Amino acid sequence: MSETLTVEEIETRFASEWVLIGDPQTDDSQRLLAGKVLFHSPDRDEVDRKLLELRPPRFAFRYLGTLPEDMALVL
């Protein structure tokens, strides 16, 4: 996909999927505003493999579903 989509468009089209976003556009607080969807899948491992294959210079990686309550995030 080569078109730039807003984060709202990405969330609508790829709900409940992991999304690899190239050329991310961000605001001054580094919040994602838009970008090009390079790959998407409900399986995170598939997106990880595609990330390693493509190796984009700038990217964002997002999950657009609801996280389970018992999930812990490490930043």
N, C-alpha and C. Protein backbone atom coordinates (compact mmCIF):
# COMPACT_ATOMS: atom_id res chain seq x y z
N MET A 1 0.86 -1.17 0.00
CA MET A 1 0.00 0.00 0.00
C MET A 1 0.91 1.23 0.00
N SER A 2 0.74 2.10 -0.96
CA SER A 2 1.64 3.24 -1.07
C SER A 2 0.99 4.57 -0.67
N GLU A 3 -0.32 4.57 -0.43
CA GLU A 3 -0.96 5.82 -0.06
C GLU A 3 -0.77 6.12 1.43
N THR A 4 -0.66 7.40 1.74
CA THR A 4 -0.57 7.82 3.13
C THR A 4 -1.97 7.92 3.71
N LEU A 5 -2.16 7.26 4.85
CA LEU A 5 -3.46 7.26 5.53
C LEU A 5 -3.33 7.96 6.88
N THR A 6 -4.40 8.59 7.32
CA THR A 6 -4.40 9.15 8.66
C THR A 6 -4.50 7.99 9.66
N VAL A 7 -4.15 8.25 10.90
CA VAL A 7 -4.24 7.20 11.92
C VAL A 7 -5.68 6.74 12.08
N GLU A 8 -6.64 7.62 11.90
CA GLU A 8 -8.05 7.23 11.99
C GLU A 8 -8.42 6.28 10.86
N GLU A 9 -7.93 6.54 9.65
CA GLU A 9 -8.21 5.65 8.52
C GLU A 9 -7.56 4.28 8.75
N ILE A 10 -6.34 4.28 9.27
CA ILE A 10 -5.65 3.03 9.54
C ILE A 10 -6.42 2.23 10.59
N GLU A 11 -6.85 2.89 11.66
CA GLU A 11 -7.60 2.21 12.72
C GLU A 11 -8.90 1.63 12.18
N THR A 12 -9.57 2.33 11.28
CA THR A 12 -10.83 1.85 10.72
C THR A 12 -10.62 0.65 9.80
N ARG A 13 -9.62 0.73 8.95
CA ARG A 13 -9.39 -0.34 7.97
C ARG A 13 -8.79 -1.60 8.58
N PHE A 14 -8.00 -1.45 9.63
CA PHE A 14 -7.24 -2.59 10.16
C PHE A 14 -7.53 -2.85 11.64
N ALA A 15 -8.77 -2.66 12.03
CA ALA A 15 -9.17 -2.89 13.43
C ALA A 15 -8.81 -4.31 13.86
N SER A 16 -8.32 -4.45 15.08
CA SER A 16 -7.95 -5.74 15.68
C SER A 16 -6.80 -6.43 14.97
N GLU A 17 -5.92 -5.65 14.34
CA GLU A 17 -4.74 -6.22 13.68
C GLU A 17 -3.48 -5.49 14.14
N TRP A 18 -2.36 -6.16 13.96
CA TRP A 18 -1.05 -5.53 14.13
C TRP A 18 -0.72 -4.85 12.82
N VAL A 19 -0.19 -3.63 12.89
CA VAL A 19 0.06 -2.85 11.67
C VAL A 19 1.48 -2.29 11.71
N LEU A 20 2.19 -2.48 10.60
CA LEU A 20 3.51 -1.90 10.40
C LEU A 20 3.33 -0.68 9.51
N ILE A 21 3.71 0.50 10.01
CA ILE A 21 3.46 1.77 9.32
C ILE A 21 4.80 2.40 8.95
N GLY A 22 5.00 2.65 7.67
CA GLY A 22 6.21 3.28 7.18
C GLY A 22 6.04 4.78 7.06
N ASP A 23 7.15 5.50 7.09
CA ASP A 23 7.16 6.96 6.97
C ASP A 23 6.13 7.61 7.89
N PRO A 24 6.17 7.28 9.18
CA PRO A 24 5.16 7.83 10.09
C PRO A 24 5.27 9.34 10.21
N GLN A 25 4.13 9.99 10.21
CA GLN A 25 4.07 11.44 10.44
C GLN A 25 3.58 11.62 11.87
N THR A 26 4.31 12.40 12.64
CA THR A 26 3.98 12.60 14.05
C THR A 26 3.87 14.08 14.37
N ASP A 27 3.25 14.36 15.53
CA ASP A 27 3.19 15.74 15.99
C ASP A 27 4.40 16.01 16.89
N ASP A 28 4.44 17.16 17.53
CA ASP A 28 5.57 17.54 18.38
C ASP A 28 5.74 16.62 19.58
N SER A 29 4.67 15.93 19.97
CA SER A 29 4.72 15.00 21.11
C SER A 29 4.95 13.56 20.65
N GLN A 30 5.30 13.37 19.39
CA GLN A 30 5.56 12.06 18.79
C GLN A 30 4.32 11.17 18.71
N ARG A 31 3.13 11.76 18.73
CA ARG A 31 1.90 10.99 18.52
C ARG A 31 1.74 10.75 17.03
N LEU A 32 1.39 9.53 16.68
CA LEU A 32 1.22 9.16 15.27
C LEU A 32 0.02 9.88 14.67
N LEU A 33 0.22 10.52 13.53
CA LEU A 33 -0.85 11.22 12.81
C LEU A 33 -1.23 10.51 11.52
N ALA A 34 -0.22 9.98 10.81
CA ALA A 34 -0.46 9.37 9.50
C ALA A 34 0.77 8.55 9.10
N GLY A 35 0.61 7.76 8.05
CA GLY A 35 1.72 6.98 7.52
C GLY A 35 1.24 6.03 6.45
N LYS A 36 2.17 5.23 5.93
CA LYS A 36 1.86 4.25 4.88
C LYS A 36 1.87 2.86 5.49
N VAL A 37 0.78 2.14 5.33
CA VAL A 37 0.71 0.78 5.86
C VAL A 37 1.59 -0.12 5.00
N LEU A 38 2.64 -0.67 5.61
CA LEU A 38 3.55 -1.55 4.90
C LEU A 38 3.10 -3.01 4.98
N PHE A 39 2.45 -3.35 6.09
CA PHE A 39 1.98 -4.73 6.29
C PHE A 39 1.02 -4.74 7.46
N HIS A 40 0.09 -5.69 7.45
CA HIS A 40 -0.84 -5.84 8.57
C HIS A 40 -1.26 -7.29 8.68
N SER A 41 -1.55 -7.71 9.91
CA SER A 41 -1.97 -9.08 10.15
C SER A 41 -2.51 -9.19 11.57
N PRO A 42 -3.42 -10.12 11.82
CA PRO A 42 -3.85 -10.37 13.19
C PRO A 42 -2.76 -11.11 13.98
N ASP A 43 -1.75 -11.65 13.29
CA ASP A 43 -0.66 -12.41 13.91
C ASP A 43 0.58 -11.53 14.03
N ARG A 44 0.96 -11.21 15.26
CA ARG A 44 2.11 -10.34 15.47
C ARG A 44 3.39 -10.93 14.89
N ASP A 45 3.57 -12.24 14.99
CA ASP A 45 4.78 -12.85 14.45
C ASP A 45 4.95 -12.60 12.96
N GLU A 46 3.85 -12.61 12.21
CA GLU A 46 3.92 -12.31 10.78
C GLU A 46 4.42 -10.89 10.54
N VAL A 47 3.93 -9.95 11.35
CA VAL A 47 4.35 -8.55 11.19
C VAL A 47 5.81 -8.39 11.60
N ASP A 48 6.23 -9.10 12.64
CA ASP A 48 7.65 -9.08 13.04
C ASP A 48 8.54 -9.57 11.91
N ARG A 49 8.14 -10.67 11.27
CA ARG A 49 8.94 -11.21 10.16
C ARG A 49 9.01 -10.22 8.99
N LYS A 50 7.88 -9.57 8.70
CA LYS A 50 7.86 -8.60 7.60
C LYS A 50 8.74 -7.40 7.95
N LEU A 51 8.74 -6.98 9.20
CA LEU A 51 9.60 -5.88 9.63
C LEU A 51 11.06 -6.23 9.39
N LEU A 52 11.46 -7.43 9.76
CA LEU A 52 12.84 -7.86 9.55
C LEU A 52 13.19 -7.98 8.07
N GLU A 53 12.20 -8.35 7.26
CA GLU A 53 12.41 -8.45 5.81
C GLU A 53 12.56 -7.08 5.17
N LEU A 54 11.67 -6.16 5.50
CA LEU A 54 11.65 -4.84 4.86
C LEU A 54 12.69 -3.88 5.43
N ARG A 55 12.90 -3.95 6.74
CA ARG A 55 13.83 -3.05 7.44
C ARG A 55 13.64 -1.58 7.03
N PRO A 56 12.44 -1.04 7.23
CA PRO A 56 12.22 0.36 6.86
C PRO A 56 13.03 1.29 7.76
N PRO A 57 13.54 2.40 7.22
CA PRO A 57 14.36 3.31 8.03
C PRO A 57 13.56 3.99 9.15
N ARG A 58 12.30 4.27 8.90
CA ARG A 58 11.42 4.87 9.91
C ARG A 58 10.10 4.12 9.88
N PHE A 59 9.63 3.72 11.06
CA PHE A 59 8.38 2.97 11.09
C PHE A 59 7.70 3.12 12.45
N ALA A 60 6.42 2.79 12.46
CA ALA A 60 5.64 2.66 13.68
C ALA A 60 5.03 1.28 13.66
N PHE A 61 4.82 0.72 14.82
CA PHE A 61 4.30 -0.64 14.96
C PHE A 61 3.15 -0.55 15.95
N ARG A 62 1.95 -0.89 15.55
CA ARG A 62 0.77 -0.70 16.41
C ARG A 62 -0.13 -1.92 16.40
N TYR A 63 -0.77 -2.14 17.56
CA TYR A 63 -1.86 -3.10 17.65
C TYR A 63 -3.14 -2.29 17.77
N LEU A 64 -4.13 -2.57 16.92
CA LEU A 64 -5.33 -1.74 16.86
C LEU A 64 -6.55 -2.42 17.44
N GLY A 65 -6.32 -3.39 18.30
CA GLY A 65 -7.43 -4.06 18.96
C GLY A 65 -7.43 -3.73 20.45
N THR A 66 -8.28 -4.41 21.17
CA THR A 66 -8.36 -4.25 22.61
C THR A 66 -7.40 -5.24 23.26
N LEU A 67 -6.53 -4.73 24.13
CA LEU A 67 -5.57 -5.59 24.80
C LEU A 67 -6.26 -6.33 25.94
N PRO A 68 -5.89 -7.58 26.18
CA PRO A 68 -6.47 -8.33 27.29
C PRO A 68 -6.14 -7.66 28.62
N GLU A 69 -7.05 -7.77 29.58
CA GLU A 69 -6.85 -7.13 30.88
C GLU A 69 -5.63 -7.64 31.61
N ASP A 70 -5.27 -8.91 31.41
CA ASP A 70 -4.14 -9.49 32.13
C ASP A 70 -2.81 -9.31 31.41
N MET A 71 -2.79 -8.50 30.35
CA MET A 71 -1.56 -8.27 29.59
C MET A 71 -0.71 -7.18 30.26
N ALA A 72 0.58 -7.41 30.34
CA ALA A 72 1.51 -6.42 30.87
C ALA A 72 2.31 -5.83 29.71
N LEU A 73 2.48 -4.52 29.71
CA LEU A 73 3.28 -3.85 28.68
C LEU A 73 4.59 -3.39 29.28
N VAL A 74 5.66 -3.59 28.53
CA VAL A 74 6.98 -3.14 28.95
C VAL A 74 7.44 -2.10 27.95
N LEU A 75 7.80 -0.94 28.45
CA LEU A 75 8.27 0.13 27.57
C LEU A 75 9.75 0.32 27.70
